[in-house]
C-alpha atoms as a PDB file:
ATOM      1  CA  ASP A   1    -136.130   6.788 -88.816  1.00  0.00           C
ATOM      2  CA  TYR A   2    -134.530   3.921 -90.719  1.00  0.00           C
ATOM      3  CA  GLU A   3    -134.303   1.522 -87.772  1.00  0.00           C
ATOM      4  CA  SER A   4    -137.994   1.902 -86.917  1.00  0.00           C
ATOM      5  CA  GLU A   5    -139.149   1.426 -90.500  1.00  0.00           C
ATOM      6  CA  PHE A   6    -136.836  -1.561 -90.894  1.00  0.00           C
ATOM      7  CA  LEU A   7    -138.192  -3.298 -87.767  1.00  0.00           C
ATOM      8  CA  MET A   8    -141.813  -2.630 -88.710  1.00  0.00           C
ATOM      9  CA  ALA A   9    -141.223  -4.073 -92.202  1.00  0.00           C
ATOM     10  CA  TYR A  10    -139.728  -7.209 -90.651  1.00  0.00           C
ATOM     11  CA  HIS A  11    -142.631  -7.508 -88.225  1.00  0.00           C
ATOM     12  CA  LYS A  12    -145.104  -7.307 -91.098  1.00  0.00           C
ATOM     13  CA  ALA A  13    -143.239 -10.112 -92.878  1.00  0.00           C
ATOM     14  CA  PHE A  14    -143.091 -12.147 -89.639  1.00  0.00           C
ATOM     15  CA  ASP A  15    -146.844 -11.740 -89.161  1.00  0.00           C
ATOM     16  CA  ASN A  16    -147.525 -12.922 -92.721  1.00  0.00           C
ATOM     17  CA  LEU A  17    -145.369 -16.021 -92.197  1.00  0.00           C
ATOM     18  CA  ARG A  18    -146.935 -16.674 -88.781  1.00  0.00           C
ATOM     19  CA  ALA A  19    -150.422 -16.522 -90.349  1.00  0.00           C
ATOM     20  CA  GLU A  20    -149.348 -19.169 -92.887  1.00  0.00           C
ATOM     21  CA  GLY A  21    -147.908 -21.419 -90.164  1.00  0.00           C
ATOM     22  CA  PHE A  22    -144.283 -21.058 -91.314  1.00  0.00           C
ATOM     23  CA  PHE A  23    -142.924 -18.996 -88.453  1.00  0.00           C
ATOM     24  CA  VAL A  24    -142.017 -20.093 -84.939  1.00  0.00           C
ATOM     25  CA  GLY A  25    -140.358 -17.145 -83.182  1.00  0.00           C
ATOM     26  CA  GLU A  26    -138.260 -13.996 -83.163  1.00  0.00           C
ATOM     27  CA  HIS A  27    -134.810 -13.314 -81.764  1.00  0.00           C
ATOM     28  CA  ILE A  28    -132.904 -10.135 -80.876  1.00  0.00           C
ATOM     29  CA  TRP A  29    -129.300 -10.466 -82.013  1.00  0.00           C
ATOM     30  CA  ASN A  30    -127.779  -7.768 -79.777  1.00  0.00           C
ATOM     31  CA  PHE A  31    -129.364  -6.583 -76.548  1.00  0.00           C
ATOM     32  CA  ALA A  32    -127.129  -3.518 -76.188  1.00  0.00           C
ATOM     33  CA  ASP A  33    -124.446  -1.603 -78.063  1.00  0.00           C
ATOM     34  CA  PHE A  34    -120.902  -2.624 -77.171  1.00  0.00           C
ATOM     35  CA  MET A  35    -117.342  -1.448 -77.682  1.00  0.00           C
ATOM     36  CA  THR A  36    -115.106  -3.099 -80.229  1.00  0.00           C
ATOM     37  CA  GLU A  37    -111.543  -2.495 -81.259  1.00  0.00           C
ATOM     38  CA  GLN A  38    -111.467   0.761 -83.193  1.00  0.00           C
ATOM     39  CA  SER A  39    -111.009   0.301 -86.921  1.00  0.00           C
ATOM     40  CA  ILE A  40    -112.017   1.906 -90.200  1.00  0.00           C
ATOM     41  CA  SER A  41    -115.253  -0.095 -90.307  1.00  0.00           C
ATOM     42  CA  ARG A  42    -116.248   0.509 -86.662  1.00  0.00           C
ATOM     43  CA  VAL A  43    -115.605   3.908 -85.213  1.00  0.00           C
ATOM     44  CA  MET A  44    -116.834   4.293 -81.612  1.00  0.00           C
ATOM     45  CA  GLY A  45    -117.942   0.695 -81.119  1.00  0.00           C
ATOM     46  CA  ASN A  46    -120.725  -1.506 -82.379  1.00  0.00           C
ATOM     47  CA  ARG A  47    -124.176   0.079 -82.350  1.00  0.00           C
ATOM     48  CA  LYS A  48    -126.537  -2.723 -83.345  1.00  0.00           C
ATOM     49  CA  GLY A  49    -128.225  -3.128 -79.975  1.00  0.00           C
ATOM     50  CA  ILE A  50    -131.737  -2.083 -79.043  1.00  0.00           C
ATOM     51  CA  PHE A  51    -130.254  -0.332 -75.983  1.00  0.00           C
ATOM     52  CA  THR A  52    -127.273   2.014 -75.749  1.00  0.00           C
ATOM     53  CA  ARG A  53    -124.105   1.032 -73.863  1.00  0.00           C
ATOM     54  CA  GLU A  54    -125.598   2.872 -70.877  1.00  0.00           C
ATOM     55  CA  ARG A  55    -128.744   0.696 -71.224  1.00  0.00           C
ATOM     56  CA  GLN A  56    -130.973   3.518 -72.400  1.00  0.00           C
ATOM     57  CA  PRO A  57    -133.709   2.337 -74.794  1.00  0.00           C
ATOM     58  CA  LYS A  58    -133.375   3.198 -78.458  1.00  0.00           C
ATOM     59  CA  ALA A  59    -136.308   3.433 -80.890  1.00  0.00           C
ATOM     60  CA  GLY A  60    -136.035  -0.299 -81.613  1.00  0.00           C
ATOM     61  CA  ALA A  61    -136.542  -1.187 -77.949  1.00  0.00           C
ATOM     62  CA  ARG A  62    -139.768   0.792 -77.827  1.00  0.00           C
ATOM     63  CA  ILE A  63    -141.065  -0.808 -81.015  1.00  0.00           C
ATOM     64  CA  LEU A  64    -140.207  -4.305 -79.777  1.00  0.00           C
ATOM     65  CA  ARG A  65    -141.832  -3.655 -76.402  1.00  0.00           C
ATOM     66  CA  CYS A  66    -145.013  -2.553 -78.124  1.00  0.00           C
ATOM     67  CA  ARG A  67    -144.933  -5.556 -80.463  1.00  0.00           C
ATOM     68  CA  TYR A  68    -144.416  -8.127 -77.741  1.00  0.00           C
ATOM     69  CA  TRP A  69    -147.105  -6.588 -75.522  1.00  0.00           C
ATOM     70  CA  ASN A  70    -149.511  -6.787 -78.451  1.00  0.00           C
ATOM     71  CA  LEU A  71    -148.559 -10.407 -79.143  1.00  0.00           C
ATOM     72  CA  ALA A  72    -148.992 -11.426 -75.486  1.00  0.00           C
ATOM     73  CA  PRO A  73    -152.227 -13.241 -74.668  1.00  0.00           C
ATOM     74  CA  LEU A  74    -153.365 -10.607 -72.146  1.00  0.00           C
ATOM     75  CA  LYS A  75    -156.617  -8.759 -71.872  1.00  0.00           C
ATOM     76  CA  THR A  76    -156.566  -5.333 -73.537  1.00  0.00           C
ATOM     77  CA  GLU A  77    -157.089  -3.426 -70.290  1.00  0.00           C
ATOM     78  CA  GLN A  78    -153.876  -4.932 -68.874  1.00  0.00           C
ATOM     79  CA  HIS A  79    -151.711  -3.006 -71.339  1.00  0.00           C
ATOM     80  CA  SER A  80    -154.011  -0.425 -72.890  1.00  0.00           C
ATOM     81  CA  GLY A  81    -151.833   2.578 -72.018  1.00  0.00           C
ATOM     82  CA  LEU A  82    -149.085   1.880 -74.558  1.00  0.00           C
ATOM     83  CA  SER A  83    -148.789   5.280 -76.217  1.00  0.00           C
ATOM     84  CA  TYR A  84    -145.372   4.520 -77.776  1.00  0.00           C
ATOM     85  CA  CYS A  85    -146.684   2.069 -80.363  1.00  0.00           C
ATOM     86  CA  PRO A  86    -145.872   3.302 -83.891  1.00  0.00           C
ATOM     87  CA  VAL A  87    -148.569   3.710 -86.493  1.00  0.00           C
ATOM     88  CA  VAL A  88    -147.947   1.342 -89.393  1.00  0.00           C
END
């Protein structure tokens, strides 16, 4: 889906910048979806979060979890069962 491809493209760009020494960190703008005043531009709230309003993970949450586990300085056997990592 679009969100997954978008995040993976950003992560590739982040990794390139990190390799060149130009990148310090990453930041999630919205943890979860939230309600806003209904208008023409936002019907049924704001859906930019990586979790739903009920705190259920969306595709982006799974991709970010996989990414951060892979960036963590842990031994492979400590997180080797991550079957939800997307294939790039």
